[in-house]
Protein backbone atom coordinates (compact mmCIF):
# COMPACT_ATOMS: atom_id res chain seq x y z
CA MET A 1 -0.08 0.03 0.01
CA SER A 2 1.28 3.53 -0.68
CA LYS A 3 1.65 6.17 1.50
CA GLU A 4 -0.80 8.01 0.08
CA ASP A 5 -3.26 5.03 0.17
CA LEU A 6 -2.47 4.42 3.94
CA ILE A 7 -3.53 8.05 5.06
CA LYS A 8 -6.92 7.95 2.84
CA ARG A 9 -7.64 4.33 3.86
CA ASN A 10 -11.10 3.91 6.27
CA CYS A 11 -11.98 7.75 5.75
CA ALA A 12 -15.69 8.44 5.58
CA GLU A 13 -14.89 11.66 3.72
CA ILE A 14 -11.65 13.55 2.76
CA ILE A 15 -11.62 17.27 2.22
CA ASN A 16 -8.84 18.65 -0.02
CA GLU A 17 -7.58 15.25 -1.24
CA GLY A 18 -5.52 16.70 -3.79
CA LYS A 19 -3.14 18.46 -1.35
CA ILE A 20 -2.14 15.09 0.39
CA LYS A 21 0.82 14.56 -1.65
CA GLY A 22 2.25 18.13 -1.23
CA PHE A 23 1.68 17.96 2.38
CA MET A 24 2.96 14.81 2.77
CA LYS A 25 6.57 16.44 2.47
CA ARG A 26 6.23 18.75 4.94
CA GLY A 27 3.09 18.77 6.89
CA PHE A 28 2.04 17.78 10.39
CA ALA A 29 -1.06 15.70 11.52
CA TYR A 30 -3.41 16.44 14.55
CA CYS A 31 -6.36 14.97 16.47
CA GLY A 32 -7.75 16.73 19.28
CA TYR A 33 -9.63 14.91 22.30
CA GLU A 34 -12.00 15.85 24.94
CA CYS A 35 -10.64 14.31 28.27
CA SER A 36 -13.78 12.87 29.81
CA GLY A 37 -14.60 9.36 30.70
CA GLU A 38 -13.16 6.44 29.18
CA ILE A 39 -10.65 6.03 26.14
CA HIS A 40 -12.77 3.42 23.86
CA LEU A 41 -12.76 1.90 20.52
CA GLY A 42 -14.43 4.98 19.04
CA HIS A 43 -11.18 6.80 19.67
CA LEU A 44 -9.14 3.74 18.68
CA VAL A 45 -10.59 4.83 14.75
CA THR A 46 -8.77 8.03 15.17
CA ILE A 47 -5.53 6.99 16.96
CA LEU A 48 -5.04 4.10 14.27
CA LYS A 49 -5.58 6.96 11.66
CA LEU A 50 -3.09 8.83 13.41
CA LEU A 51 -0.95 5.93 13.20
CA ASP A 52 -1.31 5.57 9.40
CA LEU A 53 -0.15 8.97 9.05
CA GLN A 54 2.90 8.53 11.47
CA LYS A 55 3.98 5.35 9.14
CA ALA A 56 3.46 7.56 6.08
CA GLY A 57 6.08 9.81 7.39
CA ILE A 58 3.84 12.50 8.85
CA LYS A 59 4.87 13.93 12.09
CA VAL A 60 1.88 13.77 14.44
CA LYS A 61 0.71 15.97 17.48
CA VAL A 62 -2.25 15.09 19.95
CA LEU A 63 -4.45 17.89 21.77
CA LEU A 64 -5.64 16.70 25.20
CA ALA A 65 -8.39 19.39 24.95
CA ASP A 66 -8.63 20.39 28.91
CA TRP A 67 -10.42 23.83 28.13
CA HIS A 68 -12.70 22.31 25.40
CA THR A 69 -13.73 19.93 27.98
CA TRP A 70 -14.69 22.03 30.57
CA LEU A 71 -16.64 24.28 27.96
CA ASN A 72 -18.48 21.51 26.80
CA GLN A 73 -19.70 20.89 30.53
CA LYS A 74 -17.90 17.63 31.34
CA GLY A 75 -17.03 18.44 34.73
CA ASP A 76 -15.11 20.70 36.97
CA TRP A 77 -11.41 21.58 36.91
CA LYS A 78 -10.43 18.88 39.12
CA PHE A 79 -12.13 16.51 37.19
CA VAL A 80 -10.94 17.57 33.92
CA ASN A 81 -7.24 17.62 35.42
CA THR A 82 -7.67 14.05 36.40
CA GLN A 83 -8.83 13.19 33.31
CA VAL A 84 -6.06 14.81 31.32
CA ASN A 85 -3.35 12.65 33.19
CA HIS A 86 -5.76 9.43 32.75
CA TRP A 87 -5.74 10.15 28.67
CA GLU A 88 -2.03 11.04 28.51
CA LYS A 89 -1.46 7.73 30.28
CA GLY A 90 -3.22 6.06 27.82
CA PHE A 91 -2.03 7.69 24.69
CA LYS A 92 1.53 6.62 25.90
CA ALA A 93 0.19 3.08 26.41
CA PHE A 94 -1.04 2.89 22.45
CA GLY A 95 2.79 3.51 21.84
CA LEU A 96 2.10 6.32 19.12
CA LYS A 97 5.20 8.69 18.92
CA THR A 98 3.44 11.85 19.11
CA GLU A 99 3.87 15.54 20.75
CA ILE A 100 0.99 15.67 23.55
CA ILE A 101 -0.16 19.03 23.79
CA LYS A 102 -2.34 20.47 26.51
CA GLY A 103 -5.05 23.06 25.20
CA THR A 104 -4.43 25.36 28.20
CA SER A 105 -0.60 25.48 27.41
CA PHE A 106 -1.44 27.46 24.29
CA GLN A 107 -4.84 28.90 24.72
CA LYS A 108 -4.54 31.70 27.18
CA LYS A 109 -2.30 33.95 24.89
CA PRO A 110 -3.77 37.21 23.74
CA ASP A 111 -3.43 36.60 19.93
CA TYR A 112 -5.32 33.21 20.42
CA PHE A 113 -8.29 35.11 21.98
CA GLU A 114 -7.98 37.92 19.16
CA ASP A 115 -8.60 35.29 16.44
CA ILE A 116 -11.48 33.78 18.27
CA LEU A 117 -13.24 37.14 18.52
CA LYS A 118 -12.60 37.69 14.88
CA LEU A 119 -14.16 34.72 14.13
CA ALA A 120 -17.22 35.52 16.44
CA LEU A 121 -17.94 38.73 14.50
CA LYS A 122 -18.56 36.42 11.27
CA LEU A 123 -20.47 33.39 12.93
CA THR A 124 -24.26 33.39 13.81
CA VAL A 125 -25.51 31.55 16.25
CA ASN A 126 -27.46 29.37 14.79
CA ARG A 127 -24.46 28.32 12.77
CA GLY A 128 -22.67 28.00 16.01
CA VAL A 129 -25.48 25.84 17.35
CA ARG A 130 -25.58 23.51 14.41
CA ALA A 131 -21.65 23.31 14.27
CA MET A 132 -22.21 21.66 17.92
CA GLN A 133 -25.25 19.50 17.46
CA GLU A 134 -23.28 16.41 17.07
CA VAL A 135 -20.81 16.63 19.95
CA ALA A 136 -22.60 18.42 22.92
CA ARG A 137 -25.23 17.26 25.27
CA ASN A 138 -28.62 18.94 25.38
CA ILE A 139 -28.05 21.29 22.60
CA GLU A 140 -31.51 22.62 22.97
CA ASN A 141 -30.17 24.59 26.23
CA ALA A 142 -26.88 25.14 24.65
CA LYS A 143 -24.33 27.41 26.61
CA ILE A 144 -22.54 30.35 24.71
CA SER A 145 -19.88 28.22 25.84
CA GLN A 146 -20.67 25.47 23.80
CA ILE A 147 -20.65 28.21 20.70
CA ILE A 148 -17.23 29.47 21.66
CA TYR A 149 -16.03 25.77 21.49
CA PRO A 150 -15.97 25.10 17.70
CA LEU A 151 -14.14 28.88 16.98
CA MET A 152 -11.28 27.64 19.79
CA GLN A 153 -11.03 24.20 17.62
CA ILE A 154 -10.36 26.46 14.22
CA GLU A 155 -7.98 28.39 16.39
CA ASP A 156 -6.04 25.34 17.41
CA VAL A 157 -5.50 24.00 13.99
CA LYS A 158 -3.98 27.32 13.12
CA LYS A 159 -1.93 27.78 16.39
CA LEU A 160 -0.42 24.41 15.88
CA GLY A 161 0.74 24.63 12.43
CA ILE A 162 -1.39 21.84 11.21
CA ASN A 163 -1.80 20.49 7.58
CA PHE A 164 -3.76 17.45 8.33
CA VAL A 165 -6.47 17.34 10.38
CA VAL A 166 -7.93 13.90 11.73
CA GLY A 167 -11.39 13.66 13.37
CA GLY A 168 -14.57 11.94 13.36
CA LEU A 169 -17.65 12.55 10.90
CA ASP A 170 -19.43 14.11 13.76
CA GLN A 171 -16.54 16.80 13.76
CA ARG A 172 -17.24 18.05 10.08
CA LYS A 173 -19.49 20.84 10.85
CA ILE A 174 -16.89 22.01 13.38
CA TYR A 175 -14.23 22.17 10.44
CA ALA A 176 -16.52 23.35 8.00
CA LEU A 177 -16.65 26.79 9.72
CA GLY A 178 -12.87 26.82 9.54
CA ILE A 179 -13.24 26.52 5.65
CA ASP A 180 -15.68 28.85 5.50
CA GLN A 181 -14.43 31.63 7.41
CA GLY A 182 -10.76 30.49 8.00
CA LYS A 183 -9.31 33.33 5.97
CA GLU A 184 -10.71 35.98 8.82
CA ILE A 185 -7.50 34.55 11.07
CA GLY A 186 -5.17 33.23 8.13
CA LEU A 187 -5.66 29.95 8.72
CA GLN A 188 -3.83 27.43 6.44
CA GLU A 189 -4.75 25.13 3.92
CA CYS A 190 -5.70 21.56 5.34
CA VAL A 191 -6.64 18.20 4.24
CA TYR A 192 -9.57 17.15 6.56
CA LEU A 193 -9.88 13.30 6.97
CA PHE A 194 -12.83 12.26 8.85
CA THR A 195 -13.21 8.56 9.86
CA PRO A 196 -16.50 6.54 10.33
CA ILE A 197 -18.37 6.66 13.90
CA ILE A 198 -18.95 3.40 15.42
CA PRO A 199 -22.39 2.89 16.47
CA SER A 200 -23.29 1.75 20.13
CA LEU A 201 -22.54 -1.62 21.01
CA LYS A 202 -26.62 -1.29 21.79
CA GLY A 203 -27.46 -1.02 18.30
CA PRO A 204 -28.75 1.37 15.76
CA GLY A 205 -29.34 5.05 16.73
CA SER A 206 -26.18 6.27 18.88
CA LYS A 207 -22.59 6.17 18.79
CA MET A 208 -19.92 4.73 21.34
CA SER A 209 -20.26 7.32 24.21
CA SER A 210 -17.85 7.90 27.22
CA SER A 211 -21.03 8.63 29.48
CA ASP A 212 -22.46 4.88 28.83
CA GLU A 213 -20.28 1.95 29.59
CA SER A 214 -22.88 -0.20 28.34
CA SER A 215 -22.28 1.04 24.63
CA LEU A 216 -18.46 1.09 24.41
CA ILE A 217 -15.46 -1.14 24.94
CA SER A 218 -12.56 0.66 26.99
CA ILE A 219 -9.08 0.23 26.55
CA ARG A 220 -8.87 -1.03 30.33
CA ASP A 221 -11.55 -3.79 29.52
CA SER A 222 -10.49 -7.21 30.78
CA LYS A 223 -10.69 -10.30 28.37
CA GLU A 224 -13.92 -11.32 30.29
CA VAL A 225 -15.49 -7.88 30.04
CA ILE A 226 -14.79 -7.46 26.32
CA LYS A 227 -16.19 -10.59 25.44
CA LYS A 228 -19.18 -10.12 27.98
CA LYS A 229 -19.76 -7.15 26.20
CA ILE A 230 -19.14 -8.63 22.78
CA LYS A 231 -21.49 -11.31 23.40
CA LYS A 232 -24.46 -8.63 24.54
CA ALA A 233 -23.74 -6.35 21.57
CA TYR A 234 -26.25 -6.00 18.64
CA CYS A 235 -25.55 -8.22 15.75
CA LYS A 236 -28.81 -9.09 13.79
CA LYS A 237 -28.14 -11.59 11.22
CA GLY A 238 -27.72 -10.47 7.92
CA ASP A 239 -27.83 -6.96 8.89
CA LYS A 240 -24.64 -5.28 7.77
CA GLU A 241 -25.70 -1.45 7.71
CA ASN A 242 -26.13 -1.00 11.44
CA ASN A 243 -23.39 -3.71 13.02
CA PRO A 244 -21.08 -2.14 15.31
CA LEU A 245 -19.22 -5.77 14.93
CA LEU A 246 -18.95 -5.50 11.36
CA LEU A 247 -17.37 -1.82 11.44
CA ILE A 248 -15.00 -2.57 14.74
CA ALA A 249 -13.54 -5.36 12.35
CA LYS A 250 -13.35 -2.75 9.39
CA LEU A 251 -12.10 -0.28 10.87
CA ILE A 252 -9.85 -1.57 13.76
CA ILE A 253 -9.20 -5.51 13.11
CA PHE A 254 -8.63 -5.44 9.79
CA SER A 255 -6.43 -1.97 10.18
CA LYS A 256 -4.32 -3.60 13.09
CA PHE A 257 -3.96 -7.28 11.39
CA GLY A 258 -5.12 -7.42 7.86
CA LYS A 259 -7.27 -10.21 8.39
CA LEU A 260 -9.57 -11.78 10.95
CA ASP A 261 -9.68 -15.63 12.13
CA VAL A 262 -12.77 -17.16 13.34
CA LYS A 263 -12.59 -20.45 15.23
CA ARG A 264 -15.26 -22.78 15.27
CA ASP A 265 -15.99 -26.74 15.63
CA ASP A 266 -15.68 -28.80 12.85
CA LYS A 267 -19.27 -29.75 12.94
CA PHE A 268 -20.32 -26.20 12.45
CA GLY A 269 -17.97 -25.77 9.22
CA GLY A 270 -14.73 -25.62 10.50
CA ASN A 271 -12.47 -22.56 11.37
CA LEU A 272 -12.74 -19.40 9.08
CA ASN A 273 -10.13 -17.12 7.99
CA PHE A 274 -10.80 -13.87 6.22
CA ASP A 275 -8.02 -11.83 4.46
CA SER A 276 -9.80 -8.93 3.83
CA TYR A 277 -13.03 -7.12 5.20
CA GLU A 278 -15.13 -7.57 1.80
CA LYS A 279 -14.87 -11.30 2.55
CA LEU A 280 -15.97 -11.08 6.05
CA GLU A 281 -18.87 -8.73 5.12
CA LYS A 282 -19.99 -11.16 2.31
CA ALA A 283 -19.74 -14.27 4.53
CA PHE A 284 -22.05 -12.30 7.05
CA GLU A 285 -24.53 -11.16 4.70
CA SER A 286 -25.14 -14.82 3.08
CA GLY A 287 -25.45 -16.28 6.54
CA LYS A 288 -22.23 -18.43 5.94
CA LEU A 289 -21.18 -16.55 9.13
CA HIS A 290 -22.74 -16.90 12.03
CA SER A 291 -23.59 -13.91 14.60
CA ALA A 292 -21.89 -16.05 17.35
CA ASP A 293 -19.05 -16.89 15.29
CA LEU A 294 -18.22 -13.12 14.44
CA LYS A 295 -18.93 -12.29 17.62
CA GLN A 296 -16.34 -15.11 18.98
CA GLY A 297 -13.91 -13.60 15.99
CA VAL A 298 -14.36 -10.14 17.04
CA ALA A 299 -13.76 -10.32 20.84
CA GLY A 300 -10.32 -12.70 20.13
CA ALA A 301 -8.99 -10.20 18.01
CA LEU A 302 -9.86 -6.91 20.44
CA GLU A 303 -8.23 -8.93 23.18
CA LYS A 304 -4.87 -9.20 21.15
CA ILE A 305 -5.21 -5.33 20.28
CA ILE A 306 -6.27 -4.52 23.78
CA ALA A 307 -4.08 -6.60 25.75
CA PRO A 308 -0.82 -4.87 25.39
CA ILE A 309 -2.26 -1.59 25.78
CA ARG A 310 -3.72 -2.66 29.46
CA MET A 311 -0.34 -4.18 30.11
CA GLY A 312 1.20 -0.26 29.12
CA TRP A 313 -1.06 1.30 31.13
CA LYS A 314 -0.02 -0.22 34.56
């Protein structure tokens, strides 16, 4: 796989795709994370994308967005600071070679907030609320702080000197503001890499969320907990559109290993070995691969991925 294909794989959408080759020679990549709750598989999707960029020779920065976490009403500063330490430890356990930056280390400077005010002059309240719809709680009663949030996210990209912006598809409306209004603050041109959102383990209608442990698999979950959660996960026979396990396989397992092995008794047809996601999806859709067997294979592969991270955490 070429470096460019490595950068593009498993993206739901890419903006400014034609700029990839040029930025590969000199660019920086980044992803920012609200530090609240557990680091889970949804976060692992973007972390694996950062690893793809790293393998392509691009330097990576991770923003632990402590001020954003507070502005989005996830907790008081005692909670936020505890979470930042927790997340920093988690990222180090991943083995990602990155510069880890705390938001408050640069966001208090006067020129930073001058740019925020420039953006605020151009932004309507309605547009600000729409930008936050996918990432804020209780958007019907949004606070002004939650409208400031996306403006800071745009300014972060400028101040950190980023050319490759990584985020889940739920971040698209925020970065669209930067594309539309970035000239007001001299925002550099960027490639935006949006990854798919893994749905809740409980099924269609919501995403994995740090505020609902039954919806996710954490990087600190034990082997037994992983098996238990996967066993309970939504996995309707033949339904590939809303299946969290298929998306976990595609975005995480095949990205990491390039294959998925499913162990089965001979009386059920023997072991199955898939060397591409497309073959796995076809087997599940046709009924050749039973839901219980898919769950067993996914749980085993996830344990192989999470076990060394869990050990590195200790």
